[in-house]
Amino acid sequence: ASGGASITVRDILAASQGQPVPQHGYQCMSRCRVLPTLWAVKTHIQHSSQEGYSCRVYYRKLKAPWEKEQKKQEAAGRRV
């Protein structure tokens, strides 16, 4: 495993919010591939560099602002 934030199922679901839901499966937001399970999407992300494109990098770039926003919301919640 390389360094950086790991991609979780929660990250995959967060990335897909607001997107049209495929009839069967889950969509990799980086390459718009529909896969049958969340586990399949996570495996696809982990091994996508073998296909010539790294979905892992895409999700890591998305994850950083999500974490920053989540920390900001948690801090705001504690002040209330």
PDB file of N, CA and C in Angstrom:
ATOM      1  N   ALA A   1       0.841  -1.186   0.000  1.00  0.00           N
ATOM      2  CA  ALA A   1       0.000   0.000   0.000  1.00  0.00           C
ATOM      3  C   ALA A   1       0.871   1.228   0.000  1.00  0.00           C
ATOM      4  N   SER A   2       0.498   2.217  -0.785  1.00  0.00           N
ATOM      5  CA  SER A   2       1.270   3.453  -0.826  1.00  0.00           C
ATOM      6  C   SER A   2       0.773   4.402   0.248  1.00  0.00           C
ATOM      7  N   GLY A   3       1.540   5.474   0.494  1.00  0.00           N
ATOM      8  CA  GLY A   3       1.193   6.421   1.539  1.00  0.00           C
ATOM      9  C   GLY A   3      -0.042   7.220   1.188  1.00  0.00           C
ATOM     10  N   GLY A   4      -0.492   8.039   2.115  1.00  0.00           N
ATOM     11  CA  GLY A   4      -1.666   8.867   1.887  1.00  0.00           C
ATOM     12  C   GLY A   4      -2.899   8.261   2.520  1.00  0.00           C
ATOM     13  N   ALA A   5      -3.981   8.985   2.401  1.00  0.00           N
ATOM     14  CA  ALA A   5      -5.235   8.556   3.011  1.00  0.00           C
ATOM     15  C   ALA A   5      -5.798   7.338   2.297  1.00  0.00           C
ATOM     16  N   SER A   6      -6.317   6.397   3.068  1.00  0.00           N
ATOM     17  CA  SER A   6      -6.951   5.234   2.455  1.00  0.00           C
ATOM     18  C   SER A   6      -8.380   5.603   2.072  1.00  0.00           C
ATOM     19  N   ILE A   7      -8.879   4.956   1.064  1.00  0.00           N
ATOM     20  CA  ILE A   7     -10.230   5.207   0.590  1.00  0.00           C
ATOM     21  C   ILE A   7     -11.157   4.189   1.234  1.00  0.00           C
ATOM     22  N   THR A   8     -12.195   4.681   1.879  1.00  0.00           N
ATOM     23  CA  THR A   8     -13.139   3.810   2.565  1.00  0.00           C
ATOM     24  C   THR A   8     -14.450   3.726   1.793  1.00  0.00           C
ATOM     25  N   VAL A   9     -15.289   2.793   2.184  1.00  0.00           N
ATOM     26  CA  VAL A   9     -16.612   2.672   1.583  1.00  0.00           C
ATOM     27  C   VAL A   9     -17.394   3.964   1.804  1.00  0.00           C
ATOM     28  N   ARG A  10     -17.234   4.566   2.957  1.00  0.00           N
ATOM     29  CA  ARG A  10     -17.911   5.841   3.253  1.00  0.00           C
ATOM     30  C   ARG A  10     -17.488   6.924   2.257  1.00  0.00           C
ATOM     31  N   ASP A  11     -16.196   6.947   1.886  1.00  0.00           N
ATOM     32  CA  ASP A  11     -15.711   7.919   0.905  1.00  0.00           C
ATOM     33  C   ASP A  11     -16.361   7.687  -0.458  1.00  0.00           C
ATOM     34  N   ILE A  12     -16.488   6.431  -0.838  1.00  0.00           N
ATOM     35  CA  ILE A  12     -17.098   6.095  -2.125  1.00  0.00           C
ATOM     36  C   ILE A  12     -18.560   6.544  -2.150  1.00  0.00           C
ATOM     37  N   LEU A  13     -19.276   6.272  -1.061  1.00  0.00           N
ATOM     38  CA  LEU A  13     -20.677   6.680  -0.985  1.00  0.00           C
ATOM     39  C   LEU A  13     -20.810   8.201  -0.985  1.00  0.00           C
ATOM     40  N   ALA A  14     -19.926   8.897  -0.273  1.00  0.00           N
ATOM     41  CA  ALA A  14     -19.971  10.358  -0.244  1.00  0.00           C
ATOM     42  C   ALA A  14     -19.734  10.937  -1.631  1.00  0.00           C
ATOM     43  N   ALA A  15     -18.825  10.361  -2.378  1.00  0.00           N
ATOM     44  CA  ALA A  15     -18.532  10.848  -3.724  1.00  0.00           C
ATOM     45  C   ALA A  15     -19.720  10.666  -4.657  1.00  0.00           C
ATOM     46  N   SER A  16     -20.529   9.647  -4.423  1.00  0.00           N
ATOM     47  CA  SER A  16     -21.635   9.353  -5.323  1.00  0.00           C
ATOM     48  C   SER A  16     -22.917  10.087  -4.961  1.00  0.00           C
ATOM     49  N   GLN A  17     -22.955  10.812  -3.852  1.00  0.00           N
ATOM     50  CA  GLN A  17     -24.165  11.538  -3.470  1.00  0.00           C
ATOM     51  C   GLN A  17     -24.501  12.569  -4.534  1.00  0.00           C
ATOM     52  N   GLY A  18     -25.760  12.666  -4.851  1.00  0.00           N
ATOM     53  CA  GLY A  18     -26.216  13.639  -5.833  1.00  0.00           C
ATOM     54  C   GLY A  18     -26.061  13.166  -7.271  1.00  0.00           C
ATOM     55  N   GLN A  19     -25.566  11.975  -7.458  1.00  0.00           N
ATOM     56  CA  GLN A  19     -25.402  11.427  -8.796  1.00  0.00           C
ATOM     57  C   GLN A  19     -26.564  10.485  -9.084  1.00  0.00           C
ATOM     58  N   PRO A  20     -26.942  10.356 -10.357  1.00  0.00           N
ATOM     59  CA  PRO A  20     -27.985   9.382 -10.684  1.00  0.00           C
ATOM     60  C   PRO A  20     -27.546   7.987 -10.250  1.00  0.00           C
ATOM     61  N   VAL A  21     -28.435   7.250  -9.654  1.00  0.00           N
ATOM     62  CA  VAL A  21     -28.104   5.927  -9.133  1.00  0.00           C
ATOM     63  C   VAL A  21     -28.315   4.894 -10.237  1.00  0.00           C
ATOM     64  N   PRO A  22     -27.286   4.124 -10.556  1.00  0.00           N
ATOM     65  CA  PRO A  22     -27.474   3.057 -11.536  1.00  0.00           C
ATOM     66  C   PRO A  22     -28.492   2.036 -11.015  1.00  0.00           C
ATOM     67  N   GLN A  23     -29.156   1.342 -11.905  1.00  0.00           N
ATOM     68  CA  GLN A  23     -30.160   0.369 -11.473  1.00  0.00           C
ATOM     69  C   GLN A  23     -29.542  -0.748 -10.659  1.00  0.00           C
ATOM     70  N   HIS A  24     -28.360  -1.209 -11.044  1.00  0.00           N
ATOM     71  CA  HIS A  24     -27.733  -2.330 -10.348  1.00  0.00           C
ATOM     72  C   HIS A  24     -26.267  -2.015 -10.125  1.00  0.00           C
ATOM     73  N   GLY A  25     -25.887  -1.692  -8.895  1.00  0.00           N
ATOM     74  CA  GLY A  25     -24.486  -1.505  -8.594  1.00  0.00           C
ATOM     75  C   GLY A  25     -24.142  -0.109  -8.112  1.00  0.00           C
ATOM     76  N   TYR A  26     -22.845   0.140  -8.071  1.00  0.00           N
ATOM     77  CA  TYR A  26     -22.283   1.391  -7.583  1.00  0.00           C
ATOM     78  C   TYR A  26     -21.320   1.924  -8.626  1.00  0.00           C
ATOM     79  N   GLN A  27     -21.237   3.243  -8.698  1.00  0.00           N
ATOM     80  CA  GLN A  27     -20.430   3.861  -9.741  1.00  0.00           C
ATOM     81  C   GLN A  27     -19.131   4.420  -9.190  1.00  0.00           C
ATOM     82  N   CYS A  28     -18.026   4.123  -9.864  1.00  0.00           N
ATOM     83  CA  CYS A  28     -16.758   4.776  -9.566  1.00  0.00           C
ATOM     84  C   CYS A  28     -16.862   6.174 -10.150  1.00  0.00           C
ATOM     85  N   MET A  29     -16.789   7.186  -9.318  1.00  0.00           N
ATOM     86  CA  MET A  29     -16.981   8.558  -9.778  1.00  0.00           C
ATOM     87  C   MET A  29     -15.824   9.049 -10.645  1.00  0.00           C
ATOM     88  N   SER A  30     -14.703   8.408 -10.560  1.00  0.00           N
ATOM     89  CA  SER A  30     -13.551   8.813 -11.341  1.00  0.00           C
ATOM     90  C   SER A  30     -13.689   8.401 -12.802  1.00  0.00           C
ATOM     91  N   ARG A  31     -14.104   7.170 -13.040  1.00  0.00           N
ATOM     92  CA  ARG A  31     -14.167   6.644 -14.412  1.00  0.00           C
ATOM     93  C   ARG A  31     -15.580   6.326 -14.857  1.00  0.00           C
ATOM     94  N   CYS A  32     -16.547   6.576 -13.993  1.00  0.00           N
ATOM     95  CA  CYS A  32     -17.960   6.336 -14.315  1.00  0.00           C
ATOM     96  C   CYS A  32     -18.252   4.876 -14.650  1.00  0.00           C
ATOM     97  N   ARG A  33     -17.478   3.972 -14.089  1.00  0.00           N
ATOM     98  CA  ARG A  33     -17.738   2.542 -14.256  1.00  0.00           C
ATOM     99  C   ARG A  33     -18.731   2.101 -13.202  1.00  0.00           C
ATOM    100  N   VAL A  34     -19.691   1.290 -13.589  1.00  0.00           N
ATOM    101  CA  VAL A  34     -20.661   0.744 -12.649  1.00  0.00           C
ATOM    102  C   VAL A  34     -20.219  -0.668 -12.293  1.00  0.00           C
ATOM    103  N   LEU A  35     -20.096  -0.910 -10.996  1.00  0.00           N
ATOM    104  CA  LEU A  35     -19.664  -2.207 -10.481  1.00  0.00           C
ATOM    105  C   LEU A  35     -20.743  -2.740  -9.543  1.00  0.00           C
ATOM    106  N   PRO A  36     -20.843  -4.049  -9.373  1.00  0.00           N
ATOM    107  CA  PRO A  36     -21.985  -4.636  -8.658  1.00  0.00           C
ATOM    108  C   PRO A  36     -22.039  -4.386  -7.151  1.00  0.00           C
ATOM    109  N   THR A  37     -20.891  -4.188  -6.489  1.00  0.00           N
ATOM    110  CA  THR A  37     -20.885  -4.009  -5.032  1.00  0.00           C
ATOM    111  C   THR A  37     -19.918  -2.903  -4.636  1.00  0.00           C
ATOM    112  N   LEU A  38     -20.075  -2.400  -3.413  1.00  0.00           N
ATOM    113  CA  LEU A  38     -19.115  -1.411  -2.902  1.00  0.00           C
ATOM    114  C   LEU A  38     -17.721  -2.019  -2.809  1.00  0.00           C
ATOM    115  N   TRP A  39     -17.647  -3.291  -2.424  1.00  0.00           N
ATOM    116  CA  TRP A  39     -16.359  -3.968  -2.349  1.00  0.00           C
ATOM    117  C   TRP A  39     -15.680  -3.976  -3.721  1.00  0.00           C
ATOM    118  N   ALA A  40     -16.456  -4.206  -4.780  1.00  0.00           N
ATOM    119  CA  ALA A  40     -15.907  -4.215  -6.140  1.00  0.00           C
ATOM    120  C   ALA A  40     -15.387  -2.831  -6.524  1.00  0.00           C
ATOM    121  N   VAL A  41     -16.102  -1.776  -6.113  1.00  0.00           N
ATOM    122  CA  VAL A  41     -15.638  -0.410  -6.402  1.00  0.00           C
ATOM    123  C   VAL A  41     -14.326  -0.147  -5.664  1.00  0.00           C
ATOM    124  N   LYS A  42     -14.271  -0.527  -4.395  1.00  0.00           N
ATOM    125  CA  LYS A  42     -13.050  -0.307  -3.616  1.00  0.00           C
ATOM    126  C   LYS A  42     -11.874  -1.078  -4.220  1.00  0.00           C
ATOM    127  N   THR A  43     -12.098  -2.311  -4.617  1.00  0.00           N
ATOM    128  CA  THR A  43     -11.042  -3.111  -5.248  1.00  0.00           C
ATOM    129  C   THR A  43     -10.620  -2.471  -6.569  1.00  0.00           C
ATOM    130  N   HIS A  44     -11.584  -2.005  -7.341  1.00  0.00           N
ATOM    131  CA  HIS A  44     -11.296  -1.319  -8.603  1.00  0.00           C
ATOM    132  C   HIS A  44     -10.401  -0.097  -8.350  1.00  0.00           C
ATOM    133  N   ILE A  45     -10.734   0.683  -7.333  1.00  0.00           N
ATOM    134  CA  ILE A  45      -9.952   1.880  -7.020  1.00  0.00           C
ATOM    135  C   ILE A  45      -8.523   1.492  -6.648  1.00  0.00           C
ATOM    136  N   GLN A  46      -8.385   0.458  -5.841  1.00  0.00           N
ATOM    137  CA  GLN A  46      -7.060   0.034  -5.393  1.00  0.00           C
ATOM    138  C   GLN A  46      -6.191  -0.459  -6.546  1.00  0.00           C
ATOM    139  N   HIS A  47      -6.786  -1.061  -7.561  1.00  0.00           N
ATOM    140  CA  HIS A  47      -6.014  -1.672  -8.641  1.00  0.00           C
ATOM    141  C   HIS A  47      -6.130  -0.928  -9.967  1.00  0.00           C
ATOM    142  N   SER A  48      -6.738   0.239  -9.975  1.00  0.00           N
ATOM    143  CA  SER A  48      -6.971   0.959 -11.227  1.00  0.00           C
ATOM    144  C   SER A  48      -5.687   1.383 -11.928  1.00  0.00           C
ATOM    145  N   SER A  49      -4.614   1.587 -11.180  1.00  0.00           N
ATOM    146  CA  SER A  49      -3.365   2.003 -11.826  1.00  0.00           C
ATOM    147  C   SER A  49      -2.850   0.929 -12.781  1.00  0.00           C
ATOM    148  N   GLN A  50      -3.230  -0.316 -12.562  1.00  0.00           N
ATOM    149  CA  GLN A  50      -2.842  -1.399 -13.472  1.00  0.00           C
ATOM    150  C   GLN A  50      -3.563  -1.271 -14.813  1.00  0.00           C
ATOM    151  N   GLU A  51      -4.656  -0.496 -14.836  1.00  0.00           N
ATOM    152  CA  GLU A  51      -5.422  -0.269 -16.056  1.00  0.00           C
ATOM    153  C   GLU A  51      -4.988   1.023 -16.751  1.00  0.00           C
ATOM    154  N   GLY A  52      -3.982   1.692 -16.211  1.00  0.00           N
ATOM    155  CA  GLY A  52      -3.473   2.903 -16.843  1.00  0.00           C
ATOM    156  C   GLY A  52      -4.020   4.213 -16.307  1.00  0.00           C
ATOM    157  N   TYR A  53      -4.850   4.168 -15.269  1.00  0.00           N
ATOM    158  CA  TYR A  53      -5.409   5.395 -14.690  1.00  0.00           C
ATOM    159  C   TYR A  53      -5.615   5.147 -13.208  1.00  0.00           C
ATOM    160  N   SER A  54      -5.277   6.099 -12.377  1.00  0.00           N
ATOM    161  CA  SER A  54      -5.387   5.888 -10.940  1.00  0.00           C
ATOM    162  C   SER A  54      -6.618   6.575 -10.360  1.00  0.00           C
ATOM    163  N   CYS A  55      -7.650   5.786 -10.136  1.00  0.00           N
ATOM    164  CA  CYS A  55      -8.843   6.293  -9.460  1.00  0.00           C
ATOM    165  C   CYS A  55      -8.520   6.626  -8.008  1.00  0.00           C
ATOM    166  N   ARG A  56      -7.530   5.953  -7.438  1.00  0.00           N
ATOM    167  CA  ARG A  56      -7.133   6.190  -6.051  1.00  0.00           C
ATOM    168  C   ARG A  56      -6.713   7.646  -5.861  1.00  0.00           C
ATOM    169  N   VAL A  57      -5.950   8.189  -6.808  1.00  0.00           N
ATOM    170  CA  VAL A  57      -5.521   9.592  -6.730  1.00  0.00           C
ATOM    171  C   VAL A  57      -6.741  10.506  -6.768  1.00  0.00           C
ATOM    172  N   TYR A  58      -7.693  10.205  -7.626  1.00  0.00           N
ATOM    173  CA  TYR A  58      -8.918  10.993  -7.747  1.00  0.00           C
ATOM    174  C   TYR A  58      -9.656  11.043  -6.402  1.00  0.00           C
ATOM    175  N   TYR A  59      -9.850   9.888  -5.796  1.00  0.00           N
ATOM    176  CA  TYR A  59     -10.567   9.840  -4.519  1.00  0.00           C
ATOM    177  C   TYR A  59      -9.778  10.506  -3.397  1.00  0.00           C
ATOM    178  N   ARG A  60      -8.461  10.381  -3.401  1.00  0.00           N
ATOM    179  CA  ARG A  60      -7.653  11.060  -2.374  1.00  0.00           C
ATOM    180  C   ARG A  60      -7.803  12.569  -2.487  1.00  0.00           C
ATOM    181  N   LYS A  61      -7.826  13.076  -3.724  1.00  0.00           N
ATOM    182  CA  LYS A  61      -7.994  14.523  -3.907  1.00  0.00           C
ATOM    183  C   LYS A  61      -9.370  14.975  -3.438  1.00  0.00           C
ATOM    184  N   LEU A  62     -10.379  14.128  -3.587  1.00  0.00           N
ATOM    185  CA  LEU A  62     -11.706  14.461  -3.073  1.00  0.00           C
ATOM    186  C   LEU A  62     -11.775  14.361  -1.558  1.00  0.00           C
ATOM    187  N   LYS A  63     -11.067  13.410  -0.987  1.00  0.00           N
ATOM    188  CA  LYS A  63     -11.165  13.140   0.440  1.00  0.00           C
ATOM    189  C   LYS A  63     -10.608  14.292   1.295  1.00  0.00           C
ATOM    190  N   ALA A  64      -9.543  14.925   0.863  1.00  0.00           N
ATOM    191  CA  ALA A  64      -8.929  15.995   1.654  1.00  0.00           C
ATOM    192  C   ALA A  64      -9.921  17.126   1.968  1.00  0.00           C
ATOM    193  N   PRO A  65     -10.638  17.683   0.985  1.00  0.00           N
ATOM    194  CA  PRO A  65     -11.607  18.730   1.330  1.00  0.00           C
ATOM    195  C   PRO A  65     -12.770  18.225   2.176  1.00  0.00           C
ATOM    196  N   TRP A  66     -13.197  16.960   1.968  1.00  0.00           N
ATOM    197  CA  TRP A  66     -14.276  16.405   2.792  1.00  0.00           C
ATOM    198  C   TRP A  66     -13.860  16.360   4.248  1.00  0.00           C
ATOM    199  N   GLU A  67     -12.636  15.882   4.507  1.00  0.00           N
ATOM    200  CA  GLU A  67     -12.152  15.794   5.886  1.00  0.00           C
ATOM    201  C   GLU A  67     -12.039  17.177   6.507  1.00  0.00           C
ATOM    202  N   LYS A  68     -11.573  18.142   5.739  1.00  0.00           N
ATOM    203  CA  LYS A  68     -11.448  19.514   6.236  1.00  0.00           C
ATOM    204  C   LYS A  68     -12.830  20.063   6.596  1.00  0.00           C
ATOM    205  N   GLU A  69     -13.820  19.859   5.732  1.00  0.00           N
ATOM    206  CA  GLU A  69     -15.169  20.330   5.984  1.00  0.00           C
ATOM    207  C   GLU A  69     -15.791  19.615   7.184  1.00  0.00           C
ATOM    208  N   GLN A  70     -15.540  18.316   7.307  1.00  0.00           N
ATOM    209  CA  GLN A  70     -16.076  17.560   8.437  1.00  0.00           C
ATOM    210  C   GLN A  70     -15.497  18.078   9.757  1.00  0.00           C
ATOM    211  N   LYS A  71     -14.207  18.349   9.789  1.00  0.00           N
ATOM    212  CA  LYS A  71     -13.589  18.888  11.004  1.00  0.00           C
ATOM    213  C   LYS A  71     -14.169  20.250  11.343  1.00  0.00           C
ATOM    214  N   LYS A  72     -14.416  21.065  10.316  1.00  0.00           N
ATOM    215  CA  LYS A  72     -14.994  22.391  10.535  1.00  0.00           C
ATOM    216  C   LYS A  72     -16.396  22.250  11.126  1.00  0.00           C
ATOM    217  N   GLN A  73     -17.198  21.313  10.595  1.00  0.00           N
ATOM    218  CA  GLN A  73     -18.557  21.106  11.102  1.00  0.00           C
ATOM    219  C   GLN A  73     -18.537  20.555  12.525  1.00  0.00           C
ATOM    220  N   GLU A  74     -17.601  19.660  12.823  1.00  0.00           N
ATOM    221  CA  GLU A  74     -17.487  19.115  14.178  1.00  0.00           C
ATOM    222  C   GLU A  74     -17.118  20.215  15.163  1.00  0.00           C
ATOM    223  N   ALA A  75     -16.200  21.091  14.770  1.00  0.00           N
ATOM    224  CA  ALA A  75     -15.783  22.192  15.631  1.00  0.00           C
ATOM    225  C   ALA A  75     -16.960  23.151  15.869  1.00  0.00           C
ATOM    226  N   ALA A  76     -17.733  23.407  14.822  1.00  0.00           N
ATOM    227  CA  ALA A  76     -18.910  24.285  14.951  1.00  0.00           C
ATOM    228  C   ALA A  76     -19.946  23.647  15.875  1.00  0.00           C
ATOM    229  N   GLY A  77     -20.110  22.329  15.790  1.00  0.00           N
ATOM    230  CA  GLY A  77     -21.064  21.614  16.639  1.00  0.00           C
ATOM    231  C   GLY A  77     -20.698  21.661  18.100  1.00  0.00           C
ATOM    232  N   ARG A  78     -19.408  21.651  18.390  1.00  0.00           N
ATOM    233  CA  ARG A  78     -18.954  21.706  19.788  1.00  0.00           C
ATOM    234  C   ARG A  78     -19.153  23.080  20.389  1.00  0.00           C
ATOM    235  N   ARG A  79     -19.143  24.117  19.542  1.00  0.00           N
ATOM    236  CA  ARG A  79     -19.312  25.481  20.051  1.00  0.00           C
ATOM    237  C   ARG A  79     -20.755  25.792  20.390  1.00  0.00           C
ATOM    238  N   VAL A  80     -21.712  25.016  19.856  1.00  0.00           N
ATOM    239  CA  VAL A  80     -23.135  25.306  20.079  1.00  0.00           C
ATOM    240  C   VAL A  80     -23.554  24.878  21.445  1.00  0.00           C
TER     241      VAL A  80
END
